[in-house]
Amino acid sequence: MSVLLSGLQGARQTLEDNRRLIEDPRMSRSLLLGLLVLSGLPRDGSEIGVIDLAHNLGLGASTTYRYVATLLSVGLLERDPSTRRYRLAR
């Protein structure tokens, strides 16, 4: 996980910044959006809600939620049950 995140450190942080890559037919749109969502999570262990994450990235809330739910299900994210906010898995 730390190798992946270190590779994302220089990643462009919004959908608009990545529009050209996302629209390139040679690229996987879903993978790029998933990586964008992953790169938008705080690296300091703090938590963020889906709405704030979506806003920061320039994505829709439902789209962001689907990616977050997927990343959570494969163990890359953790969810605090009391706050319903997400953080990178430790």
N, C-alpha and C. Protein backbone atom coordinates (compact mmCIF):
# COMPACT_ATOMS: atom_id res chain seq x y z
N MET A 1 0.82 -1.19 0.00
CA MET A 1 0.00 0.00 0.00
C MET A 1 0.86 1.25 0.00
N SER A 2 1.92 1.26 0.80
CA SER A 2 2.77 2.46 0.87
C SER A 2 3.46 2.72 -0.46
N VAL A 3 3.81 1.66 -1.19
CA VAL A 3 4.43 1.83 -2.51
C VAL A 3 3.43 2.47 -3.48
N LEU A 4 2.19 1.98 -3.44
CA LEU A 4 1.15 2.54 -4.29
C LEU A 4 0.94 4.02 -3.98
N LEU A 5 0.81 4.34 -2.71
CA LEU A 5 0.58 5.73 -2.31
C LEU A 5 1.76 6.62 -2.65
N SER A 6 2.97 6.12 -2.51
CA SER A 6 4.12 6.94 -2.87
C SER A 6 4.12 7.23 -4.36
N GLY A 7 3.65 6.29 -5.16
CA GLY A 7 3.54 6.51 -6.59
C GLY A 7 2.46 7.51 -6.95
N LEU A 8 1.47 7.66 -6.08
CA LEU A 8 0.37 8.59 -6.32
C LEU A 8 0.65 9.99 -5.79
N GLN A 9 1.74 10.18 -5.08
CA GLN A 9 2.02 11.48 -4.46
C GLN A 9 2.03 12.61 -5.48
N GLY A 10 2.57 12.37 -6.64
CA GLY A 10 2.62 13.41 -7.66
C GLY A 10 1.41 13.41 -8.57
N ALA A 11 0.42 12.58 -8.26
CA ALA A 11 -0.76 12.47 -9.13
C ALA A 11 -1.55 13.77 -9.11
N ARG A 12 -2.13 14.06 -10.24
CA ARG A 12 -3.03 15.21 -10.32
C ARG A 12 -4.26 14.89 -9.50
N GLN A 13 -4.77 15.86 -8.78
CA GLN A 13 -5.73 15.59 -7.72
C GLN A 13 -7.20 15.73 -8.06
N THR A 14 -7.58 16.17 -9.24
CA THR A 14 -9.00 16.33 -9.53
C THR A 14 -9.36 15.66 -10.85
N LEU A 15 -10.64 15.45 -11.01
CA LEU A 15 -11.14 14.88 -12.26
C LEU A 15 -10.74 15.76 -13.44
N GLU A 16 -10.87 17.05 -13.27
CA GLU A 16 -10.53 17.98 -14.36
C GLU A 16 -9.06 17.87 -14.73
N ASP A 17 -8.20 17.73 -13.74
CA ASP A 17 -6.76 17.58 -14.00
C ASP A 17 -6.47 16.32 -14.81
N ASN A 18 -7.31 15.31 -14.65
CA ASN A 18 -7.10 14.02 -15.29
C ASN A 18 -8.00 13.77 -16.49
N ARG A 19 -8.75 14.76 -16.91
CA ARG A 19 -9.74 14.58 -17.98
C ARG A 19 -9.14 13.96 -19.24
N ARG A 20 -7.98 14.44 -19.67
CA ARG A 20 -7.38 13.93 -20.90
C ARG A 20 -7.06 12.43 -20.79
N LEU A 21 -6.50 12.03 -19.66
CA LEU A 21 -6.21 10.61 -19.45
C LEU A 21 -7.49 9.78 -19.40
N ILE A 22 -8.49 10.26 -18.70
CA ILE A 22 -9.74 9.52 -18.53
C ILE A 22 -10.46 9.36 -19.86
N GLU A 23 -10.35 10.33 -20.73
CA GLU A 23 -11.03 10.25 -22.03
C GLU A 23 -10.21 9.53 -23.10
N ASP A 24 -8.98 9.18 -22.80
CA ASP A 24 -8.13 8.46 -23.74
C ASP A 24 -8.64 7.02 -23.85
N PRO A 25 -9.04 6.57 -25.05
CA PRO A 25 -9.60 5.23 -25.20
C PRO A 25 -8.61 4.10 -24.87
N ARG A 26 -7.33 4.41 -24.79
CA ARG A 26 -6.34 3.38 -24.45
C ARG A 26 -6.25 3.17 -22.94
N MET A 27 -6.87 4.03 -22.17
CA MET A 27 -6.79 3.97 -20.71
C MET A 27 -8.04 3.33 -20.12
N SER A 28 -7.89 2.76 -18.93
CA SER A 28 -9.03 2.21 -18.19
C SER A 28 -9.61 3.33 -17.32
N ARG A 29 -10.78 3.80 -17.70
CA ARG A 29 -11.44 4.89 -16.98
C ARG A 29 -11.69 4.51 -15.53
N SER A 30 -12.19 3.30 -15.32
CA SER A 30 -12.50 2.86 -13.95
C SER A 30 -11.25 2.80 -13.09
N LEU A 31 -10.18 2.28 -13.62
CA LEU A 31 -8.94 2.20 -12.84
C LEU A 31 -8.44 3.60 -12.51
N LEU A 32 -8.46 4.49 -13.48
CA LEU A 32 -8.00 5.86 -13.24
C LEU A 32 -8.85 6.56 -12.18
N LEU A 33 -10.17 6.38 -12.25
CA LEU A 33 -11.03 7.01 -11.25
C LEU A 33 -10.81 6.40 -9.87
N GLY A 34 -10.61 5.09 -9.80
CA GLY A 34 -10.33 4.45 -8.52
C GLY A 34 -9.03 4.96 -7.91
N LEU A 35 -8.01 5.12 -8.75
CA LEU A 35 -6.74 5.66 -8.27
C LEU A 35 -6.89 7.12 -7.85
N LEU A 36 -7.71 7.87 -8.57
CA LEU A 36 -7.97 9.26 -8.20
C LEU A 36 -8.62 9.33 -6.82
N VAL A 37 -9.61 8.47 -6.59
CA VAL A 37 -10.27 8.44 -5.28
C VAL A 37 -9.27 8.06 -4.20
N LEU A 38 -8.48 7.04 -4.46
CA LEU A 38 -7.47 6.60 -3.49
C LEU A 38 -6.48 7.72 -3.19
N SER A 39 -6.07 8.45 -4.22
CA SER A 39 -5.11 9.53 -4.01
C SER A 39 -5.72 10.72 -3.27
N GLY A 40 -7.05 10.80 -3.24
CA GLY A 40 -7.72 11.91 -2.57
C GLY A 40 -7.91 11.73 -1.08
N LEU A 41 -7.58 10.54 -0.57
CA LEU A 41 -7.72 10.31 0.87
C LEU A 41 -6.51 10.87 1.61
N PRO A 42 -6.72 11.40 2.81
CA PRO A 42 -5.60 11.95 3.59
C PRO A 42 -4.56 10.88 3.88
N ARG A 43 -3.31 11.23 3.71
CA ARG A 43 -2.22 10.27 3.94
C ARG A 43 -1.74 10.28 5.39
N ASP A 44 -2.29 11.19 6.19
CA ASP A 44 -1.84 11.30 7.58
C ASP A 44 -2.65 10.45 8.54
N GLY A 45 -3.53 9.60 8.01
CA GLY A 45 -4.35 8.73 8.86
C GLY A 45 -5.66 9.34 9.29
N SER A 46 -5.89 10.61 8.94
CA SER A 46 -7.16 11.22 9.29
C SER A 46 -8.26 10.72 8.36
N GLU A 47 -9.48 11.05 8.70
CA GLU A 47 -10.65 10.54 7.98
C GLU A 47 -11.28 11.64 7.15
N ILE A 48 -12.05 11.19 6.15
CA ILE A 48 -12.79 12.11 5.29
C ILE A 48 -14.11 11.45 4.91
N GLY A 49 -15.13 12.26 4.78
CA GLY A 49 -16.43 11.76 4.35
C GLY A 49 -16.53 11.72 2.83
N VAL A 50 -17.47 10.96 2.34
CA VAL A 50 -17.64 10.79 0.90
C VAL A 50 -17.97 12.12 0.22
N ILE A 51 -18.83 12.92 0.81
CA ILE A 51 -19.22 14.20 0.19
C ILE A 51 -18.01 15.12 0.05
N ASP A 52 -17.22 15.22 1.12
CA ASP A 52 -16.02 16.07 1.06
C ASP A 52 -15.03 15.53 0.04
N LEU A 53 -14.84 14.23 0.02
CA LEU A 53 -13.92 13.61 -0.93
C LEU A 53 -14.39 13.87 -2.36
N ALA A 54 -15.67 13.68 -2.60
CA ALA A 54 -16.22 13.91 -3.94
C ALA A 54 -16.03 15.36 -4.37
N HIS A 55 -16.30 16.27 -3.46
CA HIS A 55 -16.13 17.70 -3.76
C HIS A 55 -14.67 18.03 -4.08
N ASN A 56 -13.75 17.52 -3.27
CA ASN A 56 -12.33 17.78 -3.48
C ASN A 56 -11.84 17.26 -4.83
N LEU A 57 -12.41 16.14 -5.28
CA LEU A 57 -11.96 15.52 -6.52
C LEU A 57 -12.73 15.99 -7.75
N GLY A 58 -13.87 16.63 -7.53
CA GLY A 58 -14.69 17.05 -8.67
C GLY A 58 -15.52 15.91 -9.23
N LEU A 59 -15.85 14.93 -8.39
CA LEU A 59 -16.67 13.79 -8.80
C LEU A 59 -18.04 13.88 -8.15
N GLY A 60 -19.00 13.13 -8.68
CA GLY A 60 -20.31 13.04 -8.06
C GLY A 60 -20.24 12.20 -6.79
N ALA A 61 -21.13 12.46 -5.86
CA ALA A 61 -21.12 11.75 -4.59
C ALA A 61 -21.40 10.26 -4.78
N SER A 62 -22.36 9.90 -5.63
CA SER A 62 -22.68 8.48 -5.80
C SER A 62 -21.54 7.73 -6.48
N THR A 63 -20.89 8.36 -7.43
CA THR A 63 -19.73 7.75 -8.08
C THR A 63 -18.62 7.53 -7.06
N THR A 64 -18.35 8.56 -6.28
CA THR A 64 -17.30 8.47 -5.25
C THR A 64 -17.64 7.37 -4.25
N TYR A 65 -18.90 7.29 -3.85
CA TYR A 65 -19.31 6.27 -2.89
C TYR A 65 -19.05 4.87 -3.45
N ARG A 66 -19.36 4.63 -4.71
CA ARG A 66 -19.13 3.30 -5.30
C ARG A 66 -17.65 2.94 -5.27
N TYR A 67 -16.79 3.88 -5.60
CA TYR A 67 -15.36 3.61 -5.56
C TYR A 67 -14.88 3.39 -4.13
N VAL A 68 -15.37 4.20 -3.21
CA VAL A 68 -14.99 4.04 -1.80
C VAL A 68 -15.46 2.68 -1.29
N ALA A 69 -16.68 2.28 -1.62
CA ALA A 69 -17.21 0.99 -1.18
C ALA A 69 -16.36 -0.16 -1.73
N THR A 70 -15.92 -0.03 -2.96
CA THR A 70 -15.07 -1.06 -3.56
C THR A 70 -13.72 -1.11 -2.87
N LEU A 71 -13.10 0.05 -2.66
CA LEU A 71 -11.80 0.10 -1.98
C LEU A 71 -11.91 -0.42 -0.55
N LEU A 72 -13.03 -0.15 0.11
CA LEU A 72 -13.27 -0.67 1.46
C LEU A 72 -13.39 -2.19 1.43
N SER A 73 -14.10 -2.72 0.46
CA SER A 73 -14.34 -4.17 0.41
C SER A 73 -13.07 -4.96 0.14
N VAL A 74 -12.08 -4.35 -0.50
CA VAL A 74 -10.82 -5.06 -0.76
C VAL A 74 -9.74 -4.73 0.27
N GLY A 75 -10.12 -3.97 1.29
CA GLY A 75 -9.21 -3.72 2.41
C GLY A 75 -8.25 -2.56 2.25
N LEU A 76 -8.45 -1.72 1.24
CA LEU A 76 -7.56 -0.56 1.07
C LEU A 76 -8.01 0.63 1.91
N LEU A 77 -9.27 0.62 2.34
CA LEU A 77 -9.80 1.69 3.19
C LEU A 77 -10.41 1.09 4.44
N GLU A 78 -10.54 1.92 5.47
CA GLU A 78 -11.24 1.57 6.69
C GLU A 78 -12.33 2.61 6.92
N ARG A 79 -13.41 2.19 7.56
CA ARG A 79 -14.53 3.09 7.86
C ARG A 79 -14.75 3.12 9.36
N ASP A 80 -14.84 4.32 9.89
CA ASP A 80 -15.17 4.47 11.31
C ASP A 80 -16.69 4.35 11.42
N PRO A 81 -17.18 3.33 12.13
CA PRO A 81 -18.63 3.12 12.20
C PRO A 81 -19.39 4.24 12.89
N SER A 82 -18.75 4.96 13.80
CA SER A 82 -19.46 6.03 14.50
C SER A 82 -19.54 7.31 13.68
N THR A 83 -18.50 7.62 12.91
CA THR A 83 -18.52 8.86 12.12
C THR A 83 -18.91 8.63 10.66
N ARG A 84 -18.83 7.36 10.21
CA ARG A 84 -19.09 6.99 8.82
C ARG A 84 -18.14 7.69 7.86
N ARG A 85 -16.93 7.94 8.33
CA ARG A 85 -15.89 8.56 7.52
C ARG A 85 -14.82 7.51 7.22
N TYR A 86 -14.02 7.78 6.21
CA TYR A 86 -13.06 6.80 5.70
C TYR A 86 -11.63 7.28 5.84
N ARG A 87 -10.73 6.31 5.95
CA ARG A 87 -9.29 6.57 5.99
C ARG A 87 -8.59 5.44 5.27
N LEU A 88 -7.34 5.68 4.92
CA LEU A 88 -6.53 4.63 4.33
C LEU A 88 -6.32 3.52 5.35
N ALA A 89 -6.34 2.29 4.89
CA ALA A 89 -6.13 1.15 5.79
C ALA A 89 -4.74 1.21 6.38
N ARG A 90 -4.61 0.80 7.61
CA ARG A 90 -3.32 0.81 8.30
C ARG A 90 -2.63 -0.51 8.17
